[in-house]
């Protein structure tokens, strides 16, 4: 299914960073997060390799596993596209990716997960923290 999708980029960006936030209003962060979780359920993400491949295919960037702990997994997101998003004049966020990561890891590890992120503007990198809260 994923290989049948194509996007010229700019149209996607306009919808994602201008259209959706205006449509969703004050609840945009929560709604985008849960939209990401819902999307993760639609694709066959059964391993960390699948997750990395999905992020690359979506143009979200290069997802790198940095640290795996008992109750937390840390990822970095890097790519030219990430640099452009961080430097953009329009507000950008990573809530959709954060929700997707939470749900994908919940499916992979069979543990309830929540995800937060931090943007490092100096090195143009996004750091995701996925926390395991309970068994599914």
N, C-alpha and C. Protein backbone atom coordinates (compact mmCIF):
# COMPACT_ATOMS: atom_id res chain seq x y z
N UNK A 1 0.82 -1.18 0.00
CA UNK A 1 0.00 0.00 0.00
C UNK A 1 0.87 1.26 0.00
N UNK A 2 1.93 1.29 0.81
CA UNK A 2 2.78 2.46 0.93
C UNK A 2 3.47 2.81 -0.38
N UNK A 3 3.88 1.79 -1.15
CA UNK A 3 4.59 2.04 -2.40
C UNK A 3 3.70 2.65 -3.47
N UNK A 4 2.41 2.70 -3.24
CA UNK A 4 1.48 3.28 -4.21
C UNK A 4 1.24 4.78 -3.96
N UNK A 5 1.77 5.28 -2.86
CA UNK A 5 1.57 6.69 -2.51
C UNK A 5 2.74 7.53 -3.01
N UNK A 6 2.45 8.71 -3.52
CA UNK A 6 3.47 9.64 -3.95
C UNK A 6 3.04 11.05 -3.57
N UNK A 7 4.01 11.87 -3.22
CA UNK A 7 3.71 13.25 -2.86
C UNK A 7 4.80 14.15 -3.39
N UNK A 8 4.43 15.26 -4.01
CA UNK A 8 5.44 16.18 -4.51
C UNK A 8 6.06 17.04 -3.42
N UNK A 9 5.73 16.83 -2.17
CA UNK A 9 6.39 17.51 -1.07
C UNK A 9 5.75 18.82 -0.66
N UNK A 10 5.79 19.81 -1.51
CA UNK A 10 5.29 21.14 -1.14
C UNK A 10 3.79 21.10 -0.83
N UNK A 11 3.03 20.36 -1.62
CA UNK A 11 1.59 20.23 -1.36
C UNK A 11 1.33 19.58 -0.02
N UNK A 12 2.11 18.54 0.28
CA UNK A 12 2.01 17.86 1.57
C UNK A 12 2.32 18.84 2.70
N UNK A 13 3.38 19.60 2.55
CA UNK A 13 3.79 20.55 3.59
C UNK A 13 2.72 21.60 3.85
N UNK A 14 2.12 22.11 2.79
CA UNK A 14 1.06 23.12 2.95
C UNK A 14 -0.12 22.53 3.71
N UNK A 15 -0.54 21.33 3.34
CA UNK A 15 -1.64 20.68 4.07
C UNK A 15 -1.26 20.40 5.51
N UNK A 16 -0.07 19.87 5.73
CA UNK A 16 0.36 19.45 7.06
C UNK A 16 0.58 20.61 8.01
N UNK A 17 1.23 21.67 7.55
CA UNK A 17 1.65 22.73 8.47
C UNK A 17 0.80 23.99 8.43
N UNK A 18 -0.08 24.09 7.43
CA UNK A 18 -0.96 25.25 7.37
C UNK A 18 -2.42 24.79 7.43
N UNK A 19 -2.82 23.89 6.52
CA UNK A 19 -4.21 23.46 6.44
C UNK A 19 -4.70 22.73 7.68
N UNK A 20 -4.00 21.68 8.07
CA UNK A 20 -4.44 20.89 9.24
C UNK A 20 -4.48 21.71 10.53
N UNK A 21 -3.43 22.48 10.85
CA UNK A 21 -3.52 23.26 12.10
C UNK A 21 -4.69 24.24 12.11
N UNK A 22 -4.98 24.86 10.97
CA UNK A 22 -6.12 25.77 10.91
C UNK A 22 -7.43 25.01 11.09
N UNK A 23 -7.53 23.86 10.48
CA UNK A 23 -8.73 23.04 10.59
C UNK A 23 -8.92 22.50 12.01
N UNK A 24 -7.83 22.06 12.63
CA UNK A 24 -7.92 21.42 13.94
C UNK A 24 -7.94 22.41 15.10
N UNK A 25 -7.47 23.61 14.86
CA UNK A 25 -7.52 24.65 15.89
C UNK A 25 -6.65 24.36 17.10
N UNK A 26 -7.16 24.73 18.27
CA UNK A 26 -6.39 24.61 19.51
C UNK A 26 -6.06 23.18 19.89
N UNK A 27 -6.80 22.23 19.36
CA UNK A 27 -6.59 20.82 19.69
C UNK A 27 -5.64 20.12 18.72
N UNK A 28 -4.96 20.89 17.86
CA UNK A 28 -4.15 20.29 16.79
C UNK A 28 -3.09 19.34 17.32
N UNK A 29 -2.40 19.69 18.40
CA UNK A 29 -1.33 18.82 18.90
C UNK A 29 -1.86 17.45 19.31
N UNK A 30 -2.91 17.43 20.09
CA UNK A 30 -3.48 16.15 20.54
C UNK A 30 -4.06 15.37 19.37
N UNK A 31 -4.75 16.06 18.47
CA UNK A 31 -5.36 15.37 17.34
C UNK A 31 -4.32 14.80 16.38
N UNK A 32 -3.25 15.54 16.12
CA UNK A 32 -2.19 15.02 15.25
C UNK A 32 -1.49 13.82 15.91
N UNK A 33 -1.29 13.88 17.21
CA UNK A 33 -0.68 12.76 17.94
C UNK A 33 -1.55 11.51 17.78
N UNK A 34 -2.85 11.64 18.00
CA UNK A 34 -3.73 10.48 17.88
C UNK A 34 -3.94 10.05 16.43
N UNK A 35 -3.80 10.98 15.51
CA UNK A 35 -3.82 10.62 14.09
C UNK A 35 -2.61 9.75 13.77
N UNK A 36 -1.46 10.09 14.32
CA UNK A 36 -0.26 9.27 14.13
C UNK A 36 -0.44 7.87 14.70
N UNK A 37 -1.05 7.77 15.88
CA UNK A 37 -1.31 6.46 16.48
C UNK A 37 -2.23 5.63 15.59
N UNK A 38 -3.27 6.28 15.09
CA UNK A 38 -4.22 5.58 14.23
C UNK A 38 -3.55 5.11 12.93
N UNK A 39 -2.70 5.95 12.34
CA UNK A 39 -1.98 5.58 11.13
C UNK A 39 -1.09 4.36 11.35
N UNK A 40 -0.45 4.30 12.50
CA UNK A 40 0.45 3.17 12.79
C UNK A 40 -0.31 1.85 12.79
N UNK A 41 -1.57 1.89 13.18
CA UNK A 41 -2.38 0.66 13.19
C UNK A 41 -2.72 0.19 11.78
N UNK A 42 -2.63 1.08 10.80
CA UNK A 42 -3.00 0.75 9.42
C UNK A 42 -1.88 0.07 8.64
N UNK A 43 -0.66 0.13 9.15
CA UNK A 43 0.48 -0.42 8.43
C UNK A 43 1.08 -1.57 9.23
N UNK A 44 1.73 -2.47 8.54
CA UNK A 44 2.31 -3.66 9.19
C UNK A 44 3.69 -3.35 9.74
N UNK A 45 3.71 -2.66 10.86
CA UNK A 45 4.98 -2.35 11.53
C UNK A 45 5.19 -3.43 12.59
N UNK A 46 6.11 -4.35 12.32
CA UNK A 46 6.31 -5.45 13.26
C UNK A 46 7.74 -5.50 13.80
N UNK A 47 8.59 -4.56 13.36
CA UNK A 47 9.96 -4.54 13.85
C UNK A 47 10.50 -3.12 13.78
N UNK A 48 11.61 -2.90 14.44
CA UNK A 48 12.25 -1.59 14.38
C UNK A 48 12.72 -1.28 12.96
N UNK A 49 13.15 -2.30 12.22
CA UNK A 49 13.54 -2.11 10.82
C UNK A 49 12.36 -1.61 9.99
N UNK A 50 11.17 -2.20 10.21
CA UNK A 50 9.97 -1.74 9.51
C UNK A 50 9.70 -0.27 9.83
N UNK A 51 9.90 0.11 11.08
CA UNK A 51 9.65 1.47 11.53
C UNK A 51 10.59 2.45 10.84
N UNK A 52 11.87 2.12 10.80
CA UNK A 52 12.86 2.96 10.14
C UNK A 52 12.55 3.09 8.65
N UNK A 53 12.19 1.99 8.03
CA UNK A 53 11.84 1.99 6.61
C UNK A 53 10.61 2.86 6.35
N UNK A 54 9.62 2.76 7.21
CA UNK A 54 8.40 3.55 7.06
C UNK A 54 8.71 5.04 7.14
N UNK A 55 9.48 5.45 8.13
CA UNK A 55 9.82 6.87 8.28
C UNK A 55 10.52 7.39 7.02
N UNK A 56 11.45 6.61 6.50
CA UNK A 56 12.17 7.02 5.29
C UNK A 56 11.21 7.11 4.10
N UNK A 57 10.35 6.12 3.94
CA UNK A 57 9.42 6.10 2.82
C UNK A 57 8.43 7.26 2.88
N UNK A 58 8.05 7.66 4.07
CA UNK A 58 7.10 8.77 4.24
C UNK A 58 7.78 10.12 4.04
N UNK A 59 9.10 10.14 3.98
CA UNK A 59 9.82 11.41 3.87
C UNK A 59 9.92 12.14 5.19
N UNK A 60 9.68 11.41 6.28
CA UNK A 60 9.75 12.02 7.61
C UNK A 60 11.18 12.17 8.09
N UNK A 61 12.12 11.43 7.51
CA UNK A 61 13.52 11.54 7.89
C UNK A 61 14.11 10.19 8.23
N UNK A 62 15.36 10.23 8.61
CA UNK A 62 16.11 9.03 8.97
C UNK A 62 15.98 8.81 10.48
N UNK A 63 15.27 7.77 10.85
CA UNK A 63 15.03 7.45 12.26
C UNK A 63 16.14 6.54 12.75
N UNK A 64 16.78 6.94 13.84
CA UNK A 64 17.90 6.18 14.37
C UNK A 64 17.65 5.83 15.84
N UNK A 65 17.72 4.54 16.16
CA UNK A 65 17.61 4.10 17.55
C UNK A 65 18.89 4.48 18.27
N UNK A 66 18.77 5.24 19.35
CA UNK A 66 19.94 5.71 20.08
C UNK A 66 20.16 4.92 21.35
N UNK A 67 19.08 4.68 22.08
CA UNK A 67 19.20 4.01 23.37
C UNK A 67 17.94 3.23 23.67
N UNK A 68 18.12 2.03 24.18
CA UNK A 68 16.99 1.20 24.56
C UNK A 68 17.16 0.82 26.03
N UNK A 69 16.21 1.29 26.84
CA UNK A 69 16.23 1.00 28.28
C UNK A 69 15.02 0.14 28.61
N UNK A 70 14.92 -0.22 29.86
CA UNK A 70 13.80 -1.07 30.28
C UNK A 70 12.47 -0.37 30.11
N UNK A 71 12.38 0.91 30.41
CA UNK A 71 11.11 1.64 30.35
C UNK A 71 11.10 2.77 29.33
N UNK A 72 12.14 2.84 28.49
CA UNK A 72 12.22 3.96 27.54
C UNK A 72 13.07 3.58 26.33
N UNK A 73 12.68 4.10 25.18
CA UNK A 73 13.48 3.97 23.96
C UNK A 73 13.66 5.37 23.41
N UNK A 74 14.89 5.70 23.00
CA UNK A 74 15.19 7.02 22.48
C UNK A 74 15.61 6.91 21.02
N UNK A 75 15.03 7.78 20.19
CA UNK A 75 15.34 7.84 18.77
C UNK A 75 15.77 9.25 18.41
N UNK A 76 16.62 9.35 17.38
CA UNK A 76 16.91 10.63 16.75
C UNK A 76 16.29 10.61 15.37
N UNK A 77 15.80 11.75 14.94
CA UNK A 77 15.29 11.91 13.59
C UNK A 77 16.16 12.96 12.90
N UNK A 78 16.78 12.54 11.81
CA UNK A 78 17.70 13.39 11.06
C UNK A 78 17.38 13.31 9.58
N UNK A 79 17.66 14.36 8.84
CA UNK A 79 17.55 14.36 7.38
C UNK A 79 17.53 15.80 6.92
N UNK A 80 17.79 15.99 5.64
CA UNK A 80 17.68 17.33 5.07
C UNK A 80 16.27 17.87 5.25
N UNK A 81 15.27 17.00 5.10
CA UNK A 81 13.88 17.42 5.26
C UNK A 81 13.61 17.89 6.69
N UNK A 82 14.24 17.26 7.67
CA UNK A 82 14.07 17.67 9.07
C UNK A 82 14.71 19.04 9.28
N UNK A 83 15.89 19.25 8.70
CA UNK A 83 16.56 20.55 8.80
C UNK A 83 15.66 21.63 8.21
N UNK A 84 15.09 21.37 7.06
CA UNK A 84 14.20 22.35 6.41
C UNK A 84 12.97 22.62 7.26
N UNK A 85 12.42 21.59 7.88
CA UNK A 85 11.24 21.79 8.73
C UNK A 85 11.58 22.63 9.95
N UNK A 86 12.73 22.35 10.56
CA UNK A 86 13.14 23.10 11.75
C UNK A 86 13.42 24.56 11.40
N UNK A 87 14.01 24.81 10.23
CA UNK A 87 14.36 26.17 9.81
C UNK A 87 13.22 26.92 9.13
N UNK A 88 12.11 26.26 8.89
CA UNK A 88 11.00 26.87 8.14
C UNK A 88 10.45 28.10 8.84
N UNK A 89 9.95 29.02 8.05
CA UNK A 89 9.34 30.24 8.58
C UNK A 89 7.94 29.95 9.15
N UNK A 90 7.34 28.84 8.72
CA UNK A 90 6.03 28.47 9.26
C UNK A 90 6.24 27.52 10.45
N UNK A 91 5.35 27.55 11.42
CA UNK A 91 5.50 26.64 12.57
C UNK A 91 5.36 25.18 12.13
N UNK A 92 6.30 24.38 12.55
CA UNK A 92 6.23 22.94 12.28
C UNK A 92 6.26 22.21 13.61
N UNK A 93 5.81 20.98 13.58
CA UNK A 93 5.77 20.15 14.78
C UNK A 93 6.02 18.71 14.37
N UNK A 94 6.16 17.86 15.35
CA UNK A 94 6.43 16.44 15.10
C UNK A 94 5.46 15.57 15.89
N UNK A 95 4.24 16.08 16.09
CA UNK A 95 3.22 15.35 16.85
C UNK A 95 2.76 14.09 16.11
N UNK A 96 2.59 14.18 14.80
CA UNK A 96 2.15 13.03 14.02
C UNK A 96 3.17 11.90 14.13
N UNK A 97 4.44 12.23 13.97
CA UNK A 97 5.51 11.24 14.08
C UNK A 97 5.58 10.67 15.49
N UNK A 98 5.38 11.54 16.48
CA UNK A 98 5.42 11.12 17.87
C UNK A 98 4.32 10.09 18.18
N UNK A 99 3.12 10.37 17.73
CA UNK A 99 2.01 9.43 17.92
C UNK A 99 2.25 8.13 17.18
N UNK A 100 2.78 8.24 15.95
CA UNK A 100 3.07 7.05 15.17
C UNK A 100 4.09 6.17 15.90
N UNK A 101 5.15 6.79 16.41
CA UNK A 101 6.17 6.04 17.15
C UNK A 101 5.58 5.35 18.38
N UNK A 102 4.76 6.06 19.12
CA UNK A 102 4.15 5.47 20.33
C UNK A 102 3.37 4.22 19.99
N UNK A 103 2.53 4.32 18.98
CA UNK A 103 1.69 3.17 18.62
C UNK A 103 2.50 2.04 18.00
N UNK A 104 3.46 2.38 17.14
CA UNK A 104 4.27 1.35 16.49
C UNK A 104 5.06 0.56 17.54
N UNK A 105 5.64 1.26 18.51
CA UNK A 105 6.38 0.54 19.54
C UNK A 105 5.45 -0.24 20.45
N UNK A 106 4.24 0.24 20.63
CA UNK A 106 3.25 -0.51 21.40
C UNK A 106 2.95 -1.84 20.71
N UNK A 107 2.84 -1.80 19.39
CA UNK A 107 2.59 -3.02 18.62
C UNK A 107 3.80 -3.95 18.62
N UNK A 108 4.99 -3.39 18.53
CA UNK A 108 6.22 -4.19 18.49
C UNK A 108 6.51 -4.83 19.84
N UNK A 109 6.46 -4.03 20.91
CA UNK A 109 6.85 -4.51 22.25
C UNK A 109 5.68 -5.04 23.07
N UNK A 110 4.46 -4.84 22.60
CA UNK A 110 3.26 -5.25 23.33
C UNK A 110 3.21 -4.65 24.73
N UNK A 111 3.54 -3.35 24.78
CA UNK A 111 3.46 -2.57 26.02
C UNK A 111 2.85 -1.23 25.66
N UNK A 112 2.04 -0.68 26.57
CA UNK A 112 1.45 0.63 26.34
C UNK A 112 2.57 1.67 26.31
N UNK A 113 2.54 2.54 25.31
CA UNK A 113 3.60 3.53 25.12
C UNK A 113 3.04 4.93 24.97
N UNK A 114 3.83 5.89 25.38
CA UNK A 114 3.58 7.30 25.11
C UNK A 114 4.90 7.88 24.61
N UNK A 115 4.80 8.91 23.79
CA UNK A 115 6.00 9.47 23.18
C UNK A 115 6.00 10.99 23.30
N UNK A 116 7.16 11.54 23.59
CA UNK A 116 7.35 12.99 23.57
C UNK A 116 8.58 13.27 22.71
N UNK A 117 8.76 14.52 22.36
CA UNK A 117 9.92 14.86 21.55
C UNK A 117 10.46 16.22 21.93
N UNK A 118 11.74 16.41 21.59
CA UNK A 118 12.42 17.69 21.76
C UNK A 118 13.12 18.01 20.46
N UNK A 119 13.07 19.26 20.06
CA UNK A 119 13.76 19.71 18.86
C UNK A 119 15.04 20.43 19.29
N UNK A 120 16.17 19.98 18.74
CA UNK A 120 17.45 20.66 18.98
C UNK A 120 17.73 21.52 17.76
N UNK A 121 17.48 22.81 17.88
CA UNK A 121 17.64 23.73 16.76
C UNK A 121 19.09 23.89 16.32
N UNK A 122 20.02 23.75 17.26
CA UNK A 122 21.43 23.95 16.92
C UNK A 122 21.96 22.88 15.99
N UNK A 123 21.59 21.63 16.25
CA UNK A 123 22.11 20.55 15.40
C UNK A 123 21.03 19.97 14.47
N UNK A 124 19.88 20.63 14.43
CA UNK A 124 18.79 20.26 13.52
C UNK A 124 18.41 18.79 13.66
N UNK A 125 18.06 18.44 14.86
CA UNK A 125 17.73 17.05 15.17
C UNK A 125 16.51 17.01 16.08
N UNK A 126 15.71 15.98 15.91
CA UNK A 126 14.56 15.76 16.79
C UNK A 126 14.87 14.51 17.61
N UNK A 127 14.66 14.61 18.91
CA UNK A 127 14.88 13.48 19.81
C UNK A 127 13.53 13.04 20.36
N UNK A 128 13.18 11.79 20.07
CA UNK A 128 11.93 11.20 20.54
C UNK A 128 12.21 10.31 21.74
N UNK A 129 11.39 10.43 22.76
CA UNK A 129 11.45 9.55 23.93
C UNK A 129 10.14 8.76 23.99
N UNK A 130 10.24 7.46 23.83
CA UNK A 130 9.07 6.59 23.91
C UNK A 130 9.14 5.89 25.26
N UNK A 131 8.09 6.08 26.06
CA UNK A 131 8.04 5.52 27.40
C UNK A 131 7.06 4.35 27.45
N UNK A 132 7.49 3.26 28.07
CA UNK A 132 6.62 2.11 28.28
C UNK A 132 5.89 2.35 29.60
N UNK A 133 4.57 2.28 29.56
CA UNK A 133 3.81 2.55 30.78
C UNK A 133 3.26 1.27 31.42
N UNK A 134 2.72 0.37 30.63
CA UNK A 134 2.14 -0.87 31.15
C UNK A 134 2.15 -1.93 30.04
N UNK A 135 2.02 -3.21 30.42
CA UNK A 135 1.81 -4.23 29.39
C UNK A 135 0.45 -4.04 28.74
N UNK A 136 0.34 -4.43 27.48
CA UNK A 136 -0.93 -4.31 26.75
C UNK A 136 -1.90 -5.33 27.26
